[in-house]
PDB file of N, CA and C in Angstrom:
ATOM      1  N   UNK A   1      -1.094   5.895   4.338  1.00  0.00           N
ATOM      2  CA  UNK A   1      -0.888   4.548   3.843  1.00  0.00           C
ATOM      3  C   UNK A   1      -1.849   4.232   2.695  1.00  0.00           C
ATOM      4  N   UNK A   2      -3.017   4.856   2.709  1.00  0.00           N
ATOM      5  CA  UNK A   2      -3.964   4.616   1.620  1.00  0.00           C
ATOM      6  C   UNK A   2      -3.395   5.114   0.297  1.00  0.00           C
ATOM      7  N   UNK A   3      -2.660   6.213   0.334  1.00  0.00           N
ATOM      8  CA  UNK A   3      -2.032   6.714  -0.901  1.00  0.00           C
ATOM      9  C   UNK A   3      -0.956   5.755  -1.396  1.00  0.00           C
ATOM     10  N   UNK A   4      -0.198   5.174  -0.475  1.00  0.00           N
ATOM     11  CA  UNK A   4       0.792   4.168  -0.863  1.00  0.00           C
ATOM     12  C   UNK A   4       0.085   2.956  -1.468  1.00  0.00           C
ATOM     13  N   UNK A   5      -1.057   2.575  -0.916  1.00  0.00           N
ATOM     14  CA  UNK A   5      -1.838   1.469  -1.463  1.00  0.00           C
ATOM     15  C   UNK A   5      -2.384   1.779  -2.842  1.00  0.00           C
ATOM     16  N   UNK A   6      -2.787   3.033  -3.043  1.00  0.00           N
ATOM     17  CA  UNK A   6      -3.271   3.429  -4.371  1.00  0.00           C
ATOM     18  C   UNK A   6      -2.149   3.341  -5.399  1.00  0.00           C
ATOM     19  N   UNK A   7      -0.967   3.792  -5.021  1.00  0.00           N
ATOM     20  CA  UNK A   7       0.175   3.702  -5.922  1.00  0.00           C
ATOM     21  C   UNK A   7       0.522   2.245  -6.208  1.00  0.00           C
ATOM     22  N   UNK A   8       0.575   1.415  -5.175  1.00  0.00           N
ATOM     23  CA  UNK A   8       0.892   0.001  -5.359  1.00  0.00           C
ATOM     24  C   UNK A   8      -0.172  -0.705  -6.201  1.00  0.00           C
ATOM     25  N   UNK A   9      -1.440  -0.406  -5.950  1.00  0.00           N
ATOM     26  CA  UNK A   9      -2.518  -1.018  -6.731  1.00  0.00           C
ATOM     27  C   UNK A   9      -2.479  -0.619  -8.193  1.00  0.00           C
ATOM     28  N   UNK A  10      -2.159   0.643  -8.443  1.00  0.00           N
ATOM     29  CA  UNK A  10      -2.061   1.126  -9.820  1.00  0.00           C
ATOM     30  C   UNK A  10      -0.903   0.456 -10.540  1.00  0.00           C
ATOM     31  N   UNK A  11       0.252   0.375  -9.888  1.00  0.00           N
ATOM     32  CA  UNK A  11       1.400  -0.287 -10.507  1.00  0.00           C
ATOM     33  C   UNK A  11       1.112  -1.764 -10.761  1.00  0.00           C
ATOM     34  N   UNK A  12       0.475  -2.421  -9.813  1.00  0.00           N
ATOM     35  CA  UNK A  12       0.142  -3.836  -9.966  1.00  0.00           C
ATOM     36  C   UNK A  12      -0.823  -4.048 -11.136  1.00  0.00           C
ATOM     37  N   UNK A  13      -1.850  -3.227 -11.215  1.00  0.00           N
ATOM     38  CA  UNK A  13      -2.871  -3.398 -12.250  1.00  0.00           C
ATOM     39  C   UNK A  13      -2.321  -3.141 -13.644  1.00  0.00           C
ATOM     40  N   UNK A  14      -1.668  -2.006 -13.814  1.00  0.00           N
ATOM     41  CA  UNK A  14      -1.178  -1.656 -15.142  1.00  0.00           C
ATOM     42  C   UNK A  14       0.050  -2.479 -15.530  1.00  0.00           C
ATOM     43  N   UNK A  15       0.869  -2.855 -14.549  1.00  0.00           N
ATOM     44  CA  UNK A  15       1.992  -3.745 -14.847  1.00  0.00           C
ATOM     45  C   UNK A  15       1.512  -5.096 -15.335  1.00  0.00           C
ATOM     46  N   UNK A  16       0.494  -5.636 -14.678  1.00  0.00           N
ATOM     47  CA  UNK A  16      -0.080  -6.904 -15.110  1.00  0.00           C
ATOM     48  C   UNK A  16      -0.734  -6.803 -16.478  1.00  0.00           C
ATOM     49  N   UNK A  17      -1.384  -5.669 -16.738  1.00  0.00           N
ATOM     50  CA  UNK A  17      -2.010  -5.465 -18.046  1.00  0.00           C
ATOM     51  C   UNK A  17      -0.962  -5.470 -19.150  1.00  0.00           C
ATOM     52  N   UNK A  18       0.151  -4.815 -18.919  1.00  0.00           N
ATOM     53  CA  UNK A  18       1.210  -4.761 -19.935  1.00  0.00           C
ATOM     54  C   UNK A  18       1.786  -6.151 -20.190  1.00  0.00           C
ATOM     55  N   UNK A  19       2.075  -6.887 -19.118  1.00  0.00           N
ATOM     56  CA  UNK A  19       2.624  -8.237 -19.278  1.00  0.00           C
ATOM     57  C   UNK A  19       1.628  -9.150 -19.984  1.00  0.00           C
ATOM     58  N   UNK A  20       0.371  -9.098 -19.573  1.00  0.00           N
ATOM     59  CA  UNK A  20      -0.657  -9.936 -20.213  1.00  0.00           C
ATOM     60  C   UNK A  20      -0.831  -9.574 -21.677  1.00  0.00           C
ATOM     61  N   UNK A  21      -0.781  -8.305 -22.009  1.00  0.00           N
ATOM     62  CA  UNK A  21      -0.903  -7.888 -23.408  1.00  0.00           C
ATOM     63  C   UNK A  21       0.285  -8.379 -24.229  1.00  0.00           C
ATOM     64  N   UNK A  22       1.481  -8.286 -23.686  1.00  0.00           N
ATOM     65  CA  UNK A  22       2.658  -8.767 -24.409  1.00  0.00           C
ATOM     66  C   UNK A  22       2.596 -10.271 -24.642  1.00  0.00           C
ATOM     67  N   UNK A  23       2.079 -11.015 -23.668  1.00  0.00           N
ATOM     68  CA  UNK A  23       1.924 -12.465 -23.837  1.00  0.00           C
ATOM     69  C   UNK A  23       0.862 -12.750 -24.892  1.00  0.00           C
ATOM     70  N   UNK A  24      -0.243 -12.011 -24.874  1.00  0.00           N
ATOM     71  CA  UNK A  24      -1.320 -12.231 -25.845  1.00  0.00           C
ATOM     72  C   UNK A  24      -0.874 -11.926 -27.270  1.00  0.00           C
ATOM     73  N   UNK A  25      -0.036 -10.930 -27.435  1.00  0.00           N
ATOM     74  CA  UNK A  25       0.444 -10.564 -28.771  1.00  0.00           C
ATOM     75  C   UNK A  25       1.613 -11.431 -29.218  1.00  0.00           C
ATOM     76  N   UNK A  26       2.079 -12.322 -28.346  1.00  0.00           N
ATOM     77  CA  UNK A  26       3.151 -13.243 -28.704  1.00  0.00           C
ATOM     78  C   UNK A  26       4.538 -12.630 -28.648  1.00  0.00           C
ATOM     79  N   UNK A  27       4.675 -11.476 -28.024  1.00  0.00           N
ATOM     80  CA  UNK A  27       5.978 -10.827 -27.952  1.00  0.00           C
ATOM     81  C   UNK A  27       6.867 -11.430 -26.879  1.00  0.00           C
ATOM     82  N   UNK A  28       6.255 -12.002 -25.840  1.00  0.00           N
ATOM     83  CA  UNK A  28       6.997 -12.726 -24.809  1.00  0.00           C
ATOM     84  C   UNK A  28       6.240 -13.996 -24.491  1.00  0.00           C
ATOM     85  N   UNK A  29       6.937 -14.950 -23.895  1.00  0.00           N
ATOM     86  CA  UNK A  29       6.272 -16.178 -23.460  1.00  0.00           C
ATOM     87  C   UNK A  29       6.341 -16.255 -21.940  1.00  0.00           C
ATOM     88  N   UNK A  30       5.306 -16.844 -21.363  1.00  0.00           N
ATOM     89  CA  UNK A  30       5.248 -16.955 -19.913  1.00  0.00           C
ATOM     90  C   UNK A  30       4.464 -18.194 -19.535  1.00  0.00           C
ATOM     91  N   UNK A  31       4.967 -18.892 -18.534  1.00  0.00           N
ATOM     92  CA  UNK A  31       4.267 -20.048 -17.990  1.00  0.00           C
ATOM     93  C   UNK A  31       3.231 -19.626 -16.954  1.00  0.00           C
ATOM     94  N   UNK A  32       3.382 -18.403 -16.402  1.00  0.00           N
ATOM     95  CA  UNK A  32       2.538 -17.959 -15.303  1.00  0.00           C
ATOM     96  C   UNK A  32       1.203 -17.368 -15.747  1.00  0.00           C
ATOM     97  N   UNK A  33       1.142 -16.783 -16.937  1.00  0.00           N
ATOM     98  CA  UNK A  33      -0.091 -16.124 -17.365  1.00  0.00           C
ATOM     99  C   UNK A  33      -0.484 -16.580 -18.766  1.00  0.00           C
ATOM    100  N   UNK A  34      -1.780 -16.793 -18.964  1.00  0.00           N
ATOM    101  CA  UNK A  34      -2.231 -17.180 -20.307  1.00  0.00           C
ATOM    102  C   UNK A  34      -2.393 -15.975 -21.231  1.00  0.00           C
ATOM    103  N   UNK A  35      -2.175 -14.800 -20.729  1.00  0.00           N
ATOM    104  CA  UNK A  35      -2.397 -13.584 -21.512  1.00  0.00           C
ATOM    105  C   UNK A  35      -3.603 -12.839 -20.975  1.00  0.00           C
ATOM    106  N   UNK A  36      -4.203 -12.038 -21.821  1.00  0.00           N
ATOM    107  CA  UNK A  36      -5.368 -11.266 -21.395  1.00  0.00           C
ATOM    108  C   UNK A  36      -6.520 -12.217 -21.064  1.00  0.00           C
ATOM    109  N   UNK A  37      -7.069 -12.073 -19.872  1.00  0.00           N
ATOM    110  CA  UNK A  37      -8.157 -12.942 -19.432  1.00  0.00           C
ATOM    111  C   UNK A  37      -8.947 -12.222 -18.346  1.00  0.00           C
ATOM    112  N   UNK A  38      -9.848 -12.943 -17.723  1.00  0.00           N
ATOM    113  CA  UNK A  38     -10.628 -12.334 -16.645  1.00  0.00           C
ATOM    114  C   UNK A  38      -9.732 -11.950 -15.467  1.00  0.00           C
ATOM    115  N   UNK A  39      -8.597 -12.609 -15.316  1.00  0.00           N
ATOM    116  CA  UNK A  39      -7.651 -12.266 -14.257  1.00  0.00           C
ATOM    117  C   UNK A  39      -7.086 -10.863 -14.432  1.00  0.00           C
ATOM    118  N   UNK A  40      -6.950 -10.441 -15.677  1.00  0.00           N
ATOM    119  CA  UNK A  40      -6.482  -9.087 -15.950  1.00  0.00           C
ATOM    120  C   UNK A  40      -7.500  -8.069 -15.461  1.00  0.00           C
ATOM    121  N   UNK A  41      -8.759  -8.355 -15.702  1.00  0.00           N
ATOM    122  CA  UNK A  41      -9.827  -7.459 -15.253  1.00  0.00           C
ATOM    123  C   UNK A  41      -9.898  -7.455 -13.725  1.00  0.00           C
ATOM    124  N   UNK A  42      -9.767  -8.624 -13.126  1.00  0.00           N
ATOM    125  CA  UNK A  42      -9.814  -8.715 -11.665  1.00  0.00           C
ATOM    126  C   UNK A  42      -8.640  -7.988 -11.008  1.00  0.00           C
ATOM    127  N   UNK A  43      -7.512  -7.923 -11.705  1.00  0.00           N
ATOM    128  CA  UNK A  43      -6.348  -7.232 -11.146  1.00  0.00           C
ATOM    129  C   UNK A  43      -6.631  -5.749 -10.944  1.00  0.00           C
ATOM    130  N   UNK A  44      -7.536  -5.192 -11.717  1.00  0.00           N
ATOM    131  CA  UNK A  44      -7.878  -3.788 -11.539  1.00  0.00           C
ATOM    132  C   UNK A  44      -8.673  -3.555 -10.253  1.00  0.00           C
ATOM    133  N   UNK A  45      -9.129  -4.607  -9.623  1.00  0.00           N
ATOM    134  CA  UNK A  45      -9.722  -4.492  -8.288  1.00  0.00           C
ATOM    135  C   UNK A  45      -8.691  -4.081  -7.252  1.00  0.00           C
ATOM    136  N   UNK A  46      -7.409  -4.261  -7.578  1.00  0.00           N
ATOM    137  CA  UNK A  46      -6.341  -3.849  -6.666  1.00  0.00           C
ATOM    138  C   UNK A  46      -6.316  -2.337  -6.494  1.00  0.00           C
ATOM    139  N   UNK A  47      -6.827  -1.599  -7.471  1.00  0.00           N
ATOM    140  CA  UNK A  47      -6.863  -0.137  -7.353  1.00  0.00           C
ATOM    141  C   UNK A  47      -7.813   0.270  -6.227  1.00  0.00           C
ATOM    142  N   UNK A  48      -8.816  -0.546  -5.953  1.00  0.00           N
ATOM    143  CA  UNK A  48      -9.742  -0.269  -4.855  1.00  0.00           C
ATOM    144  C   UNK A  48      -9.319  -1.026  -3.591  1.00  0.00           C
ATOM    145  N   UNK A  49      -8.918  -2.286  -3.750  1.00  0.00           N
ATOM    146  CA  UNK A  49      -8.625  -3.133  -2.600  1.00  0.00           C
ATOM    147  C   UNK A  49      -7.348  -2.787  -1.868  1.00  0.00           C
ATOM    148  N   UNK A  50      -6.283  -2.495  -2.591  1.00  0.00           N
ATOM    149  CA  UNK A  50      -5.005  -2.244  -1.925  1.00  0.00           C
ATOM    150  C   UNK A  50      -5.007  -0.980  -1.065  1.00  0.00           C
ATOM    151  N   UNK A  51      -5.622   0.135  -1.495  1.00  0.00           N
ATOM    152  CA  UNK A  51      -5.673   1.279  -0.575  1.00  0.00           C
ATOM    153  C   UNK A  51      -6.437   0.980   0.713  1.00  0.00           C
ATOM    154  N   UNK A  52      -7.492   0.186   0.611  1.00  0.00           N
ATOM    155  CA  UNK A  52      -8.257  -0.169   1.805  1.00  0.00           C
ATOM    156  C   UNK A  52      -7.402  -1.023   2.740  1.00  0.00           C
ATOM    157  N   UNK A  53      -6.732  -2.025   2.189  1.00  0.00           N
ATOM    158  CA  UNK A  53      -5.892  -2.905   3.002  1.00  0.00           C
ATOM    159  C   UNK A  53      -4.738  -2.129   3.624  1.00  0.00           C
ATOM    160  N   UNK A  54      -4.063  -1.282   2.827  1.00  0.00           N
ATOM    161  CA  UNK A  54      -2.950  -0.490   3.348  1.00  0.00           C
ATOM    162  C   UNK A  54      -3.436   0.460   4.435  1.00  0.00           C
ATOM    163  N   UNK A  55      -4.597   1.073   4.256  1.00  0.00           N
ATOM    164  CA  UNK A  55      -5.114   2.016   5.251  1.00  0.00           C
ATOM    165  C   UNK A  55      -5.431   1.308   6.564  1.00  0.00           C
ATOM    166  N   UNK A  56      -6.025   0.129   6.491  1.00  0.00           N
ATOM    167  CA  UNK A  56      -6.353  -0.626   7.707  1.00  0.00           C
ATOM    168  C   UNK A  56      -5.076  -1.001   8.455  1.00  0.00           C
ATOM    169  N   UNK A  57      -4.078  -1.526   7.726  1.00  0.00           N
ATOM    170  CA  UNK A  57      -2.832  -1.903   8.395  1.00  0.00           C
ATOM    171  C   UNK A  57      -2.077  -0.680   8.893  1.00  0.00           C
ATOM    172  N   UNK A  58      -2.153   0.440   8.192  1.00  0.00           N
ATOM    173  CA  UNK A  58      -1.537   1.669   8.674  1.00  0.00           C
ATOM    174  C   UNK A  58      -2.199   2.168   9.945  1.00  0.00           C
ATOM    175  N   UNK A  59      -3.513   2.072  10.012  1.00  0.00           N
ATOM    176  CA  UNK A  59      -4.251   2.470  11.206  1.00  0.00           C
ATOM    177  C   UNK A  59      -3.873   1.580  12.389  1.00  0.00           C
ATOM    178  N   UNK A  60      -3.829   0.264  12.151  1.00  0.00           N
ATOM    179  CA  UNK A  60      -3.457  -0.660  13.220  1.00  0.00           C
ATOM    180  C   UNK A  60      -2.016  -0.431  13.675  1.00  0.00           C
ATOM    181  N   UNK A  61      -1.119  -0.157  12.744  1.00  0.00           N
ATOM    182  CA  UNK A  61       0.271   0.139  13.114  1.00  0.00           C
ATOM    183  C   UNK A  61       0.338   1.418  13.935  1.00  0.00           C
ATOM    184  N   UNK A  62      -0.486   2.405  13.611  1.00  0.00           N
ATOM    185  CA  UNK A  62      -0.528   3.642  14.386  1.00  0.00           C
ATOM    186  C   UNK A  62      -0.981   3.405  15.812  1.00  0.00           C
ATOM    187  N   UNK A  63      -1.953   2.525  15.989  1.00  0.00           N
ATOM    188  CA  UNK A  63      -2.424   2.192  17.341  1.00  0.00           C
ATOM    189  C   UNK A  63      -1.312   1.510  18.138  1.00  0.00           C
ATOM    190  N   UNK A  64      -0.640   0.542  17.514  1.00  0.00           N
ATOM    191  CA  UNK A  64       0.449  -0.159  18.198  1.00  0.00           C
ATOM    192  C   UNK A  64       1.567   0.822  18.551  1.00  0.00           C
ATOM    193  N   UNK A  65       1.924   1.708  17.620  1.00  0.00           N
ATOM    194  CA  UNK A  65       2.972   2.689  17.886  1.00  0.00           C
ATOM    195  C   UNK A  65       2.582   3.632  19.018  1.00  0.00           C
ATOM    196  N   UNK A  66       1.334   4.045  19.067  1.00  0.00           N
ATOM    197  CA  UNK A  66       0.881   4.946  20.129  1.00  0.00           C
ATOM    198  C   UNK A  66       0.942   4.260  21.488  1.00  0.00           C
ATOM    199  N   UNK A  67       0.537   3.002  21.551  1.00  0.00           N
ATOM    200  CA  UNK A  67       0.596   2.260  22.806  1.00  0.00           C
ATOM    201  C   UNK A  67       2.043   2.093  23.251  1.00  0.00           C
ATOM    202  N   UNK A  68       2.912   1.706  22.318  1.00  0.00           N
ATOM    203  CA  UNK A  68       4.328   1.556  22.670  1.00  0.00           C
ATOM    204  C   UNK A  68       4.941   2.880  23.109  1.00  0.00           C
ATOM    205  N   UNK A  69       4.602   3.963  22.434  1.00  0.00           N
ATOM    206  CA  UNK A  69       5.132   5.271  22.835  1.00  0.00           C
ATOM    207  C   UNK A  69       4.692   5.613  24.259  1.00  0.00           C
ATOM    208  N   UNK A  70       3.429   5.394  24.559  1.00  0.00           N
ATOM    209  CA  UNK A  70       2.927   5.711  25.892  1.00  0.00           C
ATOM    210  C   UNK A  70       3.601   4.865  26.969  1.00  0.00           C
ATOM    211  N   UNK A  71       3.879   3.605  26.659  1.00  0.00           N
ATOM    212  CA  UNK A  71       4.580   2.753  27.624  1.00  0.00           C
ATOM    213  C   UNK A  71       5.995   3.267  27.853  1.00  0.00           C
ATOM    214  N   UNK A  72       6.724   3.541  26.773  1.00  0.00           N
ATOM    215  CA  UNK A  72       8.102   4.007  26.911  1.00  0.00           C
ATOM    216  C   UNK A  72       8.173   5.422  27.477  1.00  0.00           C
ATOM    217  N   UNK A  73       7.169   6.238  27.208  1.00  0.00           N
ATOM    218  CA  UNK A  73       7.160   7.596  27.755  1.00  0.00           C
ATOM    219  C   UNK A  73       7.028   7.571  29.277  1.00  0.00           C
ATOM    220  N   UNK A  74       6.299   6.608  29.809  1.00  0.00           N
ATOM    221  CA  UNK A  74       6.197   6.478  31.272  1.00  0.00           C
ATOM    222  C   UNK A  74       7.535   6.084  31.879  1.00  0.00           C
ATOM    223  N   UNK A  75       8.265   5.209  31.195  1.00  0.00           N
ATOM    224  CA  UNK A  75       9.546   4.747  31.717  1.00  0.00           C
ATOM    225  C   UNK A  75      10.636   5.823  31.636  1.00  0.00           C
ATOM    226  N   UNK A  76      10.660   6.569  30.528  1.00  0.00           N
ATOM    227  CA  UNK A  76      11.774   7.481  30.265  1.00  0.00           C
ATOM    228  C   UNK A  76      11.423   8.957  30.402  1.00  0.00           C
ATOM    229  N   UNK A  77      10.230   9.278  30.797  1.00  0.00           N
ATOM    230  CA  UNK A  77       9.872  10.666  31.046  1.00  0.00           C
ATOM    231  C   UNK A  77       9.214  11.383  29.889  1.00  0.00           C
ATOM    232  N   UNK A  78       9.069  10.776  28.782  1.00  0.00           N
ATOM    233  CA  UNK A  78       8.359  11.382  27.660  1.00  0.00           C
ATOM    234  C   UNK A  78       9.160  12.426  26.914  1.00  0.00           C
ATOM    235  N   UNK A  79       8.475  13.199  26.152  1.00  0.00           N
ATOM    236  CA  UNK A  79       9.070  14.230  25.315  1.00  0.00           C
ATOM    237  C   UNK A  79       8.482  15.563  25.728  1.00  0.00           C
ATOM    238  N   UNK A  80       9.346  16.508  26.061  1.00  0.00           N
ATOM    239  CA  UNK A  80       8.878  17.818  26.484  1.00  0.00           C
ATOM    240  C   UNK A  80       9.397  18.874  25.516  1.00  0.00           C
ATOM    241  N   UNK A  81       8.484  19.607  24.943  1.00  0.00           N
ATOM    242  CA  UNK A  81       8.833  20.651  23.980  1.00  0.00           C
ATOM    243  C   UNK A  81       8.215  21.956  24.458  1.00  0.00           C
ATOM    244  N   UNK A  82       9.023  22.992  24.500  1.00  0.00           N
ATOM    245  CA  UNK A  82       8.532  24.332  24.855  1.00  0.00           C
ATOM    246  C   UNK A  82       8.496  25.184  23.613  1.00  0.00           C
ATOM    247  N   UNK A  83       7.352  25.773  23.371  1.00  0.00           N
ATOM    248  CA  UNK A  83       7.184  26.693  22.254  1.00  0.00           C
ATOM    249  C   UNK A  83       7.076  28.106  22.795  1.00  0.00           C
ATOM    250  N   UNK A  84       7.932  28.972  22.339  1.00  0.00           N
ATOM    251  CA  UNK A  84       7.866  30.378  22.732  1.00  0.00           C
ATOM    252  C   UNK A  84       7.181  31.147  21.618  1.00  0.00           C
ATOM    253  N   UNK A  85       6.073  31.748  21.969  1.00  0.00           N
ATOM    254  CA  UNK A  85       5.343  32.536  20.992  1.00  0.00           C
ATOM    255  C   UNK A  85       5.573  33.998  21.313  1.00  0.00           C
ATOM    256  N   UNK A  86       6.180  34.699  20.375  1.00  0.00           N
ATOM    257  CA  UNK A  86       6.425  36.129  20.570  1.00  0.00           C
ATOM    258  C   UNK A  86       5.650  36.888  19.520  1.00  0.00           C
ATOM    259  N   UNK A  87       4.888  37.832  19.998  1.00  0.00           N
ATOM    260  CA  UNK A  87       4.052  38.615  19.093  1.00  0.00           C
ATOM    261  C   UNK A  87       4.717  39.863  18.638  1.00  0.00           C
TER     262      UNK A  87
END
């Protein structure tokens, strides 16, 4: 999940940079952004923050999934896999 967060943070940061630059150069107009500003610089914090947030939520989701699996495995008998190793 941290890798997904890194990808999302990178897209968010550079996407915002492109939009802010286009607004600053007057190529597009936007009510939402004044153009290049300190907010553009702060958006690059997403490259660090989003992987951390995604990793934490991925870890918590893994814990919930493991607990649910263990509960359902008791009810339904679990999963049994036999591996035959032949030398």
